[in-house]
N, C-alpha and C. Protein backbone atom coordinates (compact mmCIF):
# COMPACT_ATOMS: atom_id res chain seq x y z
N MET A 1 0.58 -1.08 0.13
CA MET A 1 0.21 -0.31 0.01
C MET A 1 0.84 1.13 -0.27
N ARG A 2 0.57 2.10 -0.74
CA ARG A 2 1.07 3.17 -1.01
C ARG A 2 0.62 4.04 -0.20
N ALA A 3 0.68 5.25 0.52
CA ALA A 3 0.31 6.68 0.51
C ALA A 3 0.95 7.71 0.69
N GLU A 4 0.01 8.79 0.50
CA GLU A 4 0.97 9.72 -1.01
C GLU A 4 -0.31 11.26 -0.01
N GLN A 5 0.75 12.17 0.35
CA GLN A 5 0.64 13.24 1.68
C GLN A 5 0.07 14.28 0.42
N ARG A 6 -1.48 14.57 0.21
CA ARG A 6 -1.96 15.92 -0.97
C ARG A 6 -2.39 17.45 -0.57
N GLY A 7 -1.94 17.18 1.22
CA GLY A 7 -2.97 18.46 1.37
C GLY A 7 -1.91 18.30 2.90
N GLN A 8 -2.18 19.52 3.56
CA GLN A 8 -1.79 19.65 5.63
C GLN A 8 -2.72 18.55 6.24
N ASN A 9 -3.55 18.05 5.89
CA ASN A 9 -4.68 17.09 6.48
C ASN A 9 -4.95 15.30 6.31
N LEU A 10 -4.41 15.85 5.12
CA LEU A 10 -5.24 14.84 3.10
C LEU A 10 -4.37 13.58 3.22
N ILE A 11 -4.25 12.49 3.60
CA ILE A 11 -3.61 11.74 2.73
C ILE A 11 -3.81 10.50 2.14
N VAL A 12 -3.39 9.54 0.92
CA VAL A 12 -4.57 9.53 0.21
C VAL A 12 -3.43 8.25 0.06
N TYR A 13 -3.88 7.23 0.15
CA TYR A 13 -3.36 5.44 0.34
C TYR A 13 -4.09 4.82 -1.28
N GLU A 14 -3.54 4.10 -1.81
CA GLU A 14 -3.29 3.36 -3.60
C GLU A 14 -2.78 1.81 -3.32
N ARG A 15 -3.69 1.04 -3.52
CA ARG A 15 -3.40 -0.24 -3.47
C ARG A 15 -2.13 -0.86 -4.33
N GLU A 16 -1.14 -1.20 -4.19
CA GLU A 16 -0.30 -1.28 -5.23
C GLU A 16 -0.27 -2.67 -6.01
N GLU A 17 -0.09 -2.58 -7.05
CA GLU A 17 -0.14 -3.92 -8.30
C GLU A 17 0.36 -4.89 -6.99
N ARG A 18 1.16 -5.46 -6.31
CA ARG A 18 1.39 -5.99 -5.75
C ARG A 18 0.14 -6.57 -5.08
N ASP A 19 -0.24 -5.79 -4.20
CA ASP A 19 -1.54 -5.99 -3.27
C ASP A 19 -2.83 -6.28 -3.79
N LYS A 20 -3.21 -5.68 -5.27
CA LYS A 20 -4.25 -6.45 -6.23
C LYS A 20 -3.84 -8.07 -6.50
N VAL A 21 -2.79 -8.89 -6.61
CA VAL A 21 -2.23 -9.72 -7.02
C VAL A 21 -2.35 -10.46 -5.62
N GLN A 22 -1.87 -9.99 -4.53
CA GLN A 22 -2.09 -10.86 -3.30
C GLN A 22 -3.33 -11.16 -2.96
N GLU A 23 -4.16 -9.78 -3.75
CA GLU A 23 -5.53 -10.52 -2.90
C GLU A 23 -6.37 -11.48 -4.21
N ALA A 24 -6.29 -10.71 -5.57
CA ALA A 24 -6.10 -11.98 -6.29
C ALA A 24 -6.45 -13.43 -5.66
N ILE A 25 -4.44 -13.59 -5.39
CA ILE A 25 -3.95 -14.76 -5.03
C ILE A 25 -5.59 -15.46 -4.00
N GLU A 26 -4.98 -14.76 -3.02
CA GLU A 26 -5.93 -15.15 -1.48
C GLU A 26 -7.73 -15.43 -2.21
N ARG A 27 -8.25 -14.93 -3.03
CA ARG A 27 -9.69 -15.09 -4.10
C ARG A 27 -10.09 -16.86 -4.56
N LEU A 28 -8.51 -16.81 -5.41
CA LEU A 28 -8.45 -18.10 -5.92
C LEU A 28 -8.41 -19.03 -4.84
N ALA A 29 -7.66 -19.01 -4.42
CA ALA A 29 -7.50 -19.81 -2.67
C ALA A 29 -8.63 -20.62 -2.72
N ARG A 30 -9.62 -19.44 -2.39
CA ARG A 30 -10.51 -19.48 -1.29
C ARG A 30 -11.53 -20.34 -2.01
N LEU A 31 -11.74 -20.01 -3.18
CA LEU A 31 -12.84 -20.54 -4.19
C LEU A 31 -12.57 -22.02 -4.78
N SER A 32 -10.61 -22.53 -3.91
CA SER A 32 -10.56 -23.82 -4.49
C SER A 32 -10.29 -25.13 -3.62
N ALA A 33 -10.29 -23.90 -2.30
CA ALA A 33 -10.79 -24.47 -0.53
C ALA A 33 -11.79 -24.99 -0.62
N ALA A 34 -13.44 -24.30 -1.70
CA ALA A 34 -14.59 -24.80 -1.30
C ALA A 34 -14.57 -25.81 -1.96
N GLU A 35 -13.94 -25.99 -2.57
CA GLU A 35 -13.97 -27.27 -3.87
C GLU A 35 -13.54 -28.53 -3.54
N LEU A 36 -13.05 -28.89 -1.86
CA LEU A 36 -11.88 -29.79 -1.69
C LEU A 36 -13.18 -30.39 -0.46
N GLU A 37 -12.30 -31.75 -0.78
CA GLU A 37 -12.81 -32.70 0.33
C GLU A 37 -12.60 -32.22 1.73
N ASP A 38 -13.91 -33.28 2.23
CA ASP A 38 -13.72 -32.76 3.98
C ASP A 38 -12.04 -32.33 4.84
N GLY A 39 -11.58 -33.88 4.45
CA GLY A 39 -10.06 -34.22 5.46
C GLY A 39 -9.01 -33.01 4.86
N ASP A 40 -8.88 -32.27 3.51
CA ASP A 40 -7.65 -31.59 2.35
C ASP A 40 -8.63 -30.24 2.94
N ALA A 41 -9.98 -30.14 3.35
CA ALA A 41 -10.30 -28.38 3.79
C ALA A 41 -10.06 -28.24 4.89
N CYS A 42 -9.57 -29.55 5.94
CA CYS A 42 -9.38 -29.20 7.27
C CYS A 42 -7.74 -28.68 7.24
N ALA A 43 -6.95 -28.53 5.84
CA ALA A 43 -5.66 -28.46 6.49
C ALA A 43 -6.05 -27.32 5.46
N VAL A 44 -6.58 -26.30 4.73
CA VAL A 44 -6.45 -25.03 5.45
C VAL A 44 -7.20 -24.51 5.32
N SER A 45 -8.11 -24.97 6.93
CA SER A 45 -9.24 -23.98 7.67
C SER A 45 -8.87 -22.44 7.01
N VAL A 46 -7.77 -22.37 7.17
CA VAL A 46 -7.44 -20.74 7.35
C VAL A 46 -8.18 -20.11 6.18
N LEU A 47 -7.78 -20.96 5.12
CA LEU A 47 -9.19 -20.53 4.12
C LEU A 47 -10.35 -19.96 4.13
N PHE A 48 -11.19 -20.30 4.96
CA PHE A 48 -12.81 -20.80 5.17
C PHE A 48 -12.86 -19.03 6.13
N ASP A 49 -14.39 -18.65 5.48
CA ASP A 49 -14.16 -17.39 7.24
C ASP A 49 -14.61 -18.26 8.29
N ARG A 50 -14.79 -17.26 9.30
CA ARG A 50 -14.69 -17.16 10.86
C ARG A 50 -16.31 -17.09 10.88
N TRP A 51 -16.94 -17.74 12.05
CA TRP A 51 -18.32 -18.24 12.39
C TRP A 51 -18.34 -16.58 12.89
N LYS A 52 -18.99 -16.20 12.96
CA LYS A 52 -19.61 -14.68 13.48
C LYS A 52 -21.72 -14.22 13.32
N ALA A 53 -21.82 -14.51 14.33
CA ALA A 53 -22.92 -14.19 15.14
C ALA A 53 -24.11 -13.04 14.03
N GLY A 54 -24.44 -12.99 13.32
CA GLY A 54 -25.54 -12.83 12.14
C GLY A 54 -24.94 -12.71 11.33
N ALA A 55 -24.69 -13.78 11.11
CA ALA A 55 -24.15 -13.98 9.17
C ALA A 55 -25.41 -14.74 9.59
N ALA A 56 -25.99 -15.10 8.10
CA ALA A 56 -26.35 -15.86 7.05
C ALA A 56 -25.83 -16.95 6.86
N TYR A 57 -26.08 -18.62 6.96
CA TYR A 57 -25.40 -19.14 6.64
C TYR A 57 -26.05 -20.14 5.72
N GLN A 58 -25.69 -21.27 4.61
CA GLN A 58 -26.29 -21.67 3.98
C GLN A 58 -26.09 -23.23 3.95
N LYS A 59 -26.96 -24.45 3.52
CA LYS A 59 -26.79 -26.04 4.31
C LYS A 59 -25.52 -26.31 3.50
N GLY A 60 -25.05 -26.85 3.63
CA GLY A 60 -23.58 -27.28 2.70
C GLY A 60 -22.33 -26.56 3.29
N GLN A 61 -22.12 -25.23 3.58
CA GLN A 61 -21.17 -24.16 3.88
C GLN A 61 -20.37 -24.95 4.74
N ARG A 62 -19.17 -24.34 4.16
CA ARG A 62 -18.04 -25.06 5.41
C ARG A 62 -18.10 -23.36 6.38
N ILE A 63 -17.53 -23.60 7.38
CA ILE A 63 -17.08 -22.58 8.40
C ILE A 63 -15.94 -22.64 9.22
N ALA A 64 -15.27 -22.06 9.86
CA ALA A 64 -14.33 -22.41 11.35
C ALA A 64 -14.94 -21.14 11.86
N ASP A 65 -14.09 -22.09 13.55
CA ASP A 65 -14.62 -21.50 14.59
C ASP A 65 -12.85 -20.34 15.04
N GLU A 66 -12.80 -19.54 15.51
CA GLU A 66 -12.02 -19.46 16.27
C GLU A 66 -10.74 -20.31 16.28
N ALA A 67 -10.31 -21.09 17.00
CA ALA A 67 -9.01 -21.65 16.81
C ALA A 67 -9.01 -22.29 15.77
N GLY A 68 -9.54 -22.70 14.22
CA GLY A 68 -9.43 -23.21 12.53
C GLY A 68 -10.48 -24.61 13.20
N ARG A 69 -10.46 -24.70 13.27
CA ARG A 69 -11.93 -26.39 13.34
C ARG A 69 -12.60 -26.00 12.57
N LEU A 70 -12.88 -27.00 11.14
CA LEU A 70 -13.94 -26.42 9.95
C LEU A 70 -15.16 -27.17 10.81
N TYR A 71 -16.49 -26.32 10.76
CA TYR A 71 -17.79 -26.95 11.01
C TYR A 71 -18.43 -27.09 9.40
N ARG A 72 -19.67 -28.10 9.10
CA ARG A 72 -20.03 -27.93 8.14
C ARG A 72 -21.48 -27.08 8.46
N VAL A 73 -22.32 -25.94 7.74
CA VAL A 73 -23.92 -25.76 8.03
C VAL A 73 -24.84 -27.15 7.53
N GLU A 74 -25.85 -27.18 8.61
CA GLU A 74 -26.50 -28.05 8.06
C GLU A 74 -27.72 -27.81 7.90
N GLN A 75 -28.06 -26.43 8.31
CA GLN A 75 -29.73 -26.18 7.22
C GLN A 75 -28.77 -24.22 7.18
N ASP A 76 -29.84 -24.25 6.38
CA ASP A 76 -29.81 -22.51 6.49
C ASP A 76 -30.54 -21.83 7.56
N HIS A 77 -29.79 -21.24 7.82
CA HIS A 77 -29.67 -19.89 9.36
C HIS A 77 -29.57 -18.19 8.94
N VAL A 78 -29.56 -17.76 10.62
CA VAL A 78 -28.54 -16.22 10.82
C VAL A 78 -28.50 -16.77 12.38
N SER A 79 -26.44 -16.56 12.24
CA SER A 79 -26.18 -17.04 13.28
C SER A 79 -26.19 -15.97 14.28
N GLN A 80 -26.67 -16.88 15.91
CA GLN A 80 -26.84 -15.47 17.06
C GLN A 80 -26.33 -16.09 18.30
N PRO A 81 -25.91 -15.08 18.56
CA PRO A 81 -24.99 -14.80 19.79
C PRO A 81 -25.03 -16.91 20.72
N ASP A 82 -26.11 -16.87 20.92
CA ASP A 82 -26.25 -17.58 22.31
C ASP A 82 -26.03 -19.29 21.00
N TRP A 83 -26.36 -19.85 19.91
CA TRP A 83 -25.92 -20.56 19.15
C TRP A 83 -25.03 -20.80 18.99
N PRO A 84 -23.79 -21.22 19.38
CA PRO A 84 -22.53 -20.99 19.29
C PRO A 84 -21.86 -22.28 18.61
N VAL A 85 -20.91 -22.17 17.56
CA VAL A 85 -20.73 -23.30 16.51
C VAL A 85 -20.51 -24.35 17.06
N ASP A 86 -19.59 -24.42 18.09
CA ASP A 86 -19.48 -25.74 18.78
C ASP A 86 -20.36 -26.55 20.17
N GLY A 87 -21.51 -26.02 19.68
CA GLY A 87 -22.56 -26.05 20.45
C GLY A 87 -24.18 -26.25 20.41
N THR A 88 -23.88 -26.17 18.53
CA THR A 88 -25.41 -26.37 18.49
C THR A 88 -25.30 -27.20 17.42
N PRO A 89 -25.27 -28.94 17.83
CA PRO A 89 -25.26 -29.52 16.52
C PRO A 89 -26.16 -29.83 15.93
N ALA A 90 -27.65 -29.13 15.90
CA ALA A 90 -28.60 -29.43 15.15
C ALA A 90 -28.17 -28.38 13.33
N LEU A 91 -27.09 -27.22 14.26
CA LEU A 91 -26.84 -26.13 12.97
C LEU A 91 -25.31 -26.36 12.75
N TYR A 92 -24.75 -27.25 13.04
CA TYR A 92 -22.96 -26.91 12.85
C TYR A 92 -22.36 -28.85 12.70
N THR A 93 -21.64 -29.53 11.91
CA THR A 93 -21.32 -30.42 12.48
C THR A 93 -19.75 -29.86 12.40
N PRO A 94 -19.39 -30.96 13.04
CA PRO A 94 -17.98 -30.41 13.48
C PRO A 94 -17.04 -31.61 12.21
N LEU A 95 -16.21 -31.05 11.74
CA LEU A 95 -15.69 -31.88 10.52
C LEU A 95 -14.00 -32.61 11.46
N GLY A 96 -14.14 -32.77 12.66
CA GLY A 96 -13.32 -33.05 13.44
C GLY A 96 -11.62 -32.36 13.92
N VAL A 97 -11.14 -31.75 12.94
CA VAL A 97 -9.78 -31.75 12.86
C VAL A 97 -9.46 -30.31 12.91
N ASP A 98 -8.59 -29.33 12.75
CA ASP A 98 -8.06 -27.82 13.11
C ASP A 98 -6.90 -27.64 12.36
N SER A 99 -7.36 -26.65 11.81
CA SER A 99 -5.93 -26.42 11.06
C SER A 99 -3.38 -26.68 11.53
N GLY A 100 -4.57 -27.06 12.43
CA GLY A 100 -2.56 -27.55 13.36
C GLY A 100 -2.65 -28.93 13.24
N ARG A 101 -3.45 -29.16 13.01
CA ARG A 101 -3.15 -30.82 13.48
C ARG A 101 -4.43 -31.55 12.54
N PRO A 102 -4.06 -31.62 11.27
CA PRO A 102 -4.98 -32.40 10.16
C PRO A 102 -4.17 -33.72 10.03
N GLU A 103 -3.95 -34.11 10.49
CA GLU A 103 -4.11 -35.36 9.74
C GLU A 103 -4.32 -35.39 11.71
N ALA A 104 -4.96 -35.64 12.22
CA ALA A 104 -5.46 -36.48 13.42
C ALA A 104 -6.75 -36.55 13.58
N VAL A 105 -6.93 -37.31 14.25
CA VAL A 105 -8.13 -38.21 14.19
C VAL A 105 -9.50 -37.57 15.68
N PRO A 106 -10.34 -37.68 14.93
CA PRO A 106 -11.72 -36.58 16.21
C PRO A 106 -12.05 -37.50 17.00
N GLU A 107 -11.99 -37.64 17.95
CA GLU A 107 -12.91 -38.08 19.46
C GLU A 107 -14.31 -38.71 19.21
N TRP A 108 -14.86 -39.86 19.10
CA TRP A 108 -16.19 -39.88 19.11
C TRP A 108 -17.02 -39.22 19.73
N ARG A 109 -18.39 -38.49 18.65
CA ARG A 109 -19.19 -38.23 19.91
C ARG A 109 -20.14 -38.44 19.85
N GLN A 110 -21.29 -38.47 20.15
CA GLN A 110 -22.84 -38.82 20.25
C GLN A 110 -22.94 -38.32 18.93
N PRO A 111 -23.52 -38.71 18.19
CA PRO A 111 -24.68 -37.63 17.12
C PRO A 111 -26.30 -37.47 17.74
N THR A 112 -26.27 -36.54 17.59
CA THR A 112 -27.95 -36.12 17.82
C THR A 112 -28.89 -36.59 17.17
N GLY A 113 -28.93 -36.85 15.95
CA GLY A 113 -29.74 -37.42 14.90
C GLY A 113 -29.03 -37.29 13.09
N ALA A 114 -29.61 -37.61 11.86
CA ALA A 114 -29.47 -37.78 11.15
C ALA A 114 -27.97 -36.81 10.47
N GLN A 115 -28.46 -35.27 11.05
CA GLN A 115 -27.56 -34.26 10.30
C GLN A 115 -25.92 -34.28 10.26
N ASP A 116 -25.50 -35.50 11.88
CA ASP A 116 -25.00 -35.52 12.70
C ASP A 116 -24.01 -36.62 12.25
N ALA A 117 -25.60 -37.77 12.23
CA ALA A 117 -24.58 -38.97 12.19
C ALA A 117 -23.32 -39.17 11.55
N TYR A 118 -22.43 -40.54 11.64
CA TYR A 118 -21.09 -40.28 10.89
C TYR A 118 -21.98 -41.09 9.37
N GLN A 119 -20.67 -40.87 8.75
CA GLN A 119 -20.73 -41.81 7.01
C GLN A 119 -19.62 -42.25 6.87
N LYS A 120 -19.96 -44.01 5.47
CA LYS A 120 -19.05 -44.73 5.80
C LYS A 120 -17.59 -43.91 5.37
N GLY A 121 -17.43 -44.82 6.03
CA GLY A 121 -15.37 -44.05 5.72
C GLY A 121 -15.05 -43.21 7.05
N ASP A 122 -16.08 -42.35 7.66
CA ASP A 122 -15.43 -41.34 9.16
C ASP A 122 -15.07 -42.60 9.86
N ARG A 123 -13.48 -41.91 10.58
CA ARG A 123 -12.66 -42.49 11.48
C ARG A 123 -12.69 -41.21 12.51
N VAL A 124 -12.75 -42.48 13.41
CA VAL A 124 -13.01 -42.00 14.83
C VAL A 124 -11.74 -42.34 15.90
N ARG A 125 -11.68 -41.71 16.96
CA ARG A 125 -10.85 -41.86 18.26
C ARG A 125 -11.98 -42.93 19.22
N TYR A 126 -11.88 -43.46 19.71
CA TYR A 126 -13.31 -44.22 20.46
C TYR A 126 -12.22 -45.17 22.31
N GLU A 127 -11.69 -45.07 23.18
CA GLU A 127 -11.47 -45.35 23.90
C GLU A 127 -9.96 -45.92 23.94
N GLY A 128 -9.09 -44.64 23.25
CA GLY A 128 -7.51 -44.73 22.60
C GLY A 128 -7.46 -45.88 21.19
N ALA A 129 -8.70 -46.39 20.63
CA ALA A 129 -8.53 -46.55 19.16
C ALA A 129 -8.98 -46.23 18.23
N VAL A 130 -9.00 -46.48 16.72
CA VAL A 130 -9.47 -45.39 15.85
C VAL A 130 -10.29 -46.96 15.47
N TYR A 131 -11.40 -46.39 14.86
CA TYR A 131 -12.16 -47.03 14.71
C TYR A 131 -12.50 -46.51 13.07
N VAL A 132 -13.42 -46.99 11.53
CA VAL A 132 -14.16 -46.80 10.41
C VAL A 132 -15.32 -46.68 10.60
N SER A 133 -16.29 -45.74 10.25
CA SER A 133 -17.50 -46.31 10.12
C SER A 133 -17.71 -47.03 8.72
N GLN A 134 -18.61 -48.29 9.21
CA GLN A 134 -19.21 -49.22 8.02
C GLN A 134 -20.17 -48.59 6.90
N ALA A 135 -20.99 -47.67 7.42
CA ALA A 135 -22.32 -47.52 6.81
C ALA A 135 -23.03 -45.73 8.08
N ASP A 136 -22.79 -45.47 6.39
CA ASP A 136 -23.80 -44.07 6.54
C ASP A 136 -25.12 -44.10 7.51
N GLY A 137 -25.21 -43.24 8.57
CA GLY A 137 -26.27 -42.64 9.34
C GLY A 137 -25.81 -43.01 10.15
N ASN A 138 -24.59 -43.20 10.77
CA ASN A 138 -24.03 -43.89 12.05
C ASN A 138 -23.59 -43.54 12.76
N VAL A 139 -25.39 -44.10 13.93
CA VAL A 139 -25.55 -43.24 14.88
C VAL A 139 -24.92 -44.11 15.96
N TRP A 140 -24.66 -44.99 16.42
CA TRP A 140 -24.29 -46.38 17.38
C TRP A 140 -22.14 -46.17 17.58
N ALA A 141 -21.93 -46.29 18.68
CA ALA A 141 -20.61 -45.88 19.31
C ALA A 141 -19.77 -47.35 18.77
N PRO A 142 -18.42 -46.80 18.43
CA PRO A 142 -17.87 -48.20 18.17
C PRO A 142 -17.77 -48.76 19.23
N GLY A 143 -17.55 -50.03 18.51
CA GLY A 143 -17.57 -51.50 19.31
C GLY A 143 -18.86 -52.44 19.24
N THR A 144 -19.43 -51.52 18.76
CA THR A 144 -21.13 -51.71 18.99
C THR A 144 -21.75 -52.36 17.26
N GLY A 145 -22.06 -53.90 17.54
CA GLY A 145 -21.89 -54.77 16.15
C GLY A 145 -20.84 -54.19 14.71
N ASP A 146 -21.93 -54.73 13.80
CA ASP A 146 -20.51 -54.60 12.58
C ASP A 146 -20.86 -53.31 12.12
N LEU A 147 -21.01 -51.75 12.74
CA LEU A 147 -21.31 -50.72 12.07
C LEU A 147 -19.66 -49.86 11.93
N TRP A 148 -18.63 -50.46 12.71
CA TRP A 148 -17.08 -50.15 12.97
C TRP A 148 -16.27 -50.85 12.73
N ARG A 149 -15.83 -50.52 11.95
CA ARG A 149 -14.05 -51.80 12.33
C ARG A 149 -13.12 -50.59 12.66
N LEU A 150 -12.00 -51.80 13.23
CA LEU A 150 -10.66 -51.14 14.05
C LEU A 150 -9.80 -51.64 13.36
N GLU A 151 -9.42 -49.94 13.54
CA GLU A 151 -8.06 -49.33 12.03
C GLU A 151 -7.10 -50.29 13.10
N ALA A 152 -6.78 -51.00 12.03
CA ALA A 152 -4.76 -51.19 12.41
C ALA A 152 -3.76 -51.37 13.05
N ASP A 153 -3.35 -49.74 12.32
CA ASP A 153 -3.18 -48.91 13.20
C ASP A 153 -3.81 -48.27 14.07
N SER A 154 -3.86 -47.63 14.77
CA SER A 154 -5.07 -46.84 15.62
C SER A 154 -3.61 -46.15 17.56
N THR A 155 -2.56 -45.60 16.47
CA THR A 155 -0.95 -44.72 17.28
C THR A 155 -1.23 -43.74 16.40
N GLU A 156 -2.24 -44.20 15.40
CA GLU A 156 -1.70 -41.82 14.35
C GLU A 156 -2.60 -41.49 15.45
N GLY A 157 -2.61 -40.33 14.45
CA GLY A 157 -2.81 -39.12 14.83
C GLY A 157 -3.06 -38.40 16.23
N ARG A 158 -2.48 -39.49 16.85
CA ARG A 158 -2.91 -38.81 18.91
C ARG A 158 -1.73 -37.71 19.20
């Protein structure tokens, strides 16, 4: 950014070409990030909008909390201060990892319904072991029936 004084109390700021290029690169990165699978998106969560009260969110949109953890919006709504992203599972489903440890496996959380049920292939940590969901719409705890498969190497992502 370049500043030029054009009078006693007037300073004019102009964006330089490199500022315009940087803004274009950031816009392109954000557009590309929106197309990524959830696991890859978690690795670049800094490119997603941060949750804020009063924002209009659409189902399927991904947003990050202040710590960089990524969430999927489960229904269209306008956010409110008393509907925190980490405490309103009917509105937001955590994608499980944060930008600091995208390889981490999230702890299993009891789904509250279809909106946050585990899908086939989802990986979770439960009682110190890593499990992989074998079915879509899985709301059962790992180790219950044949809906989860114990992953061979359960030390990854600790």
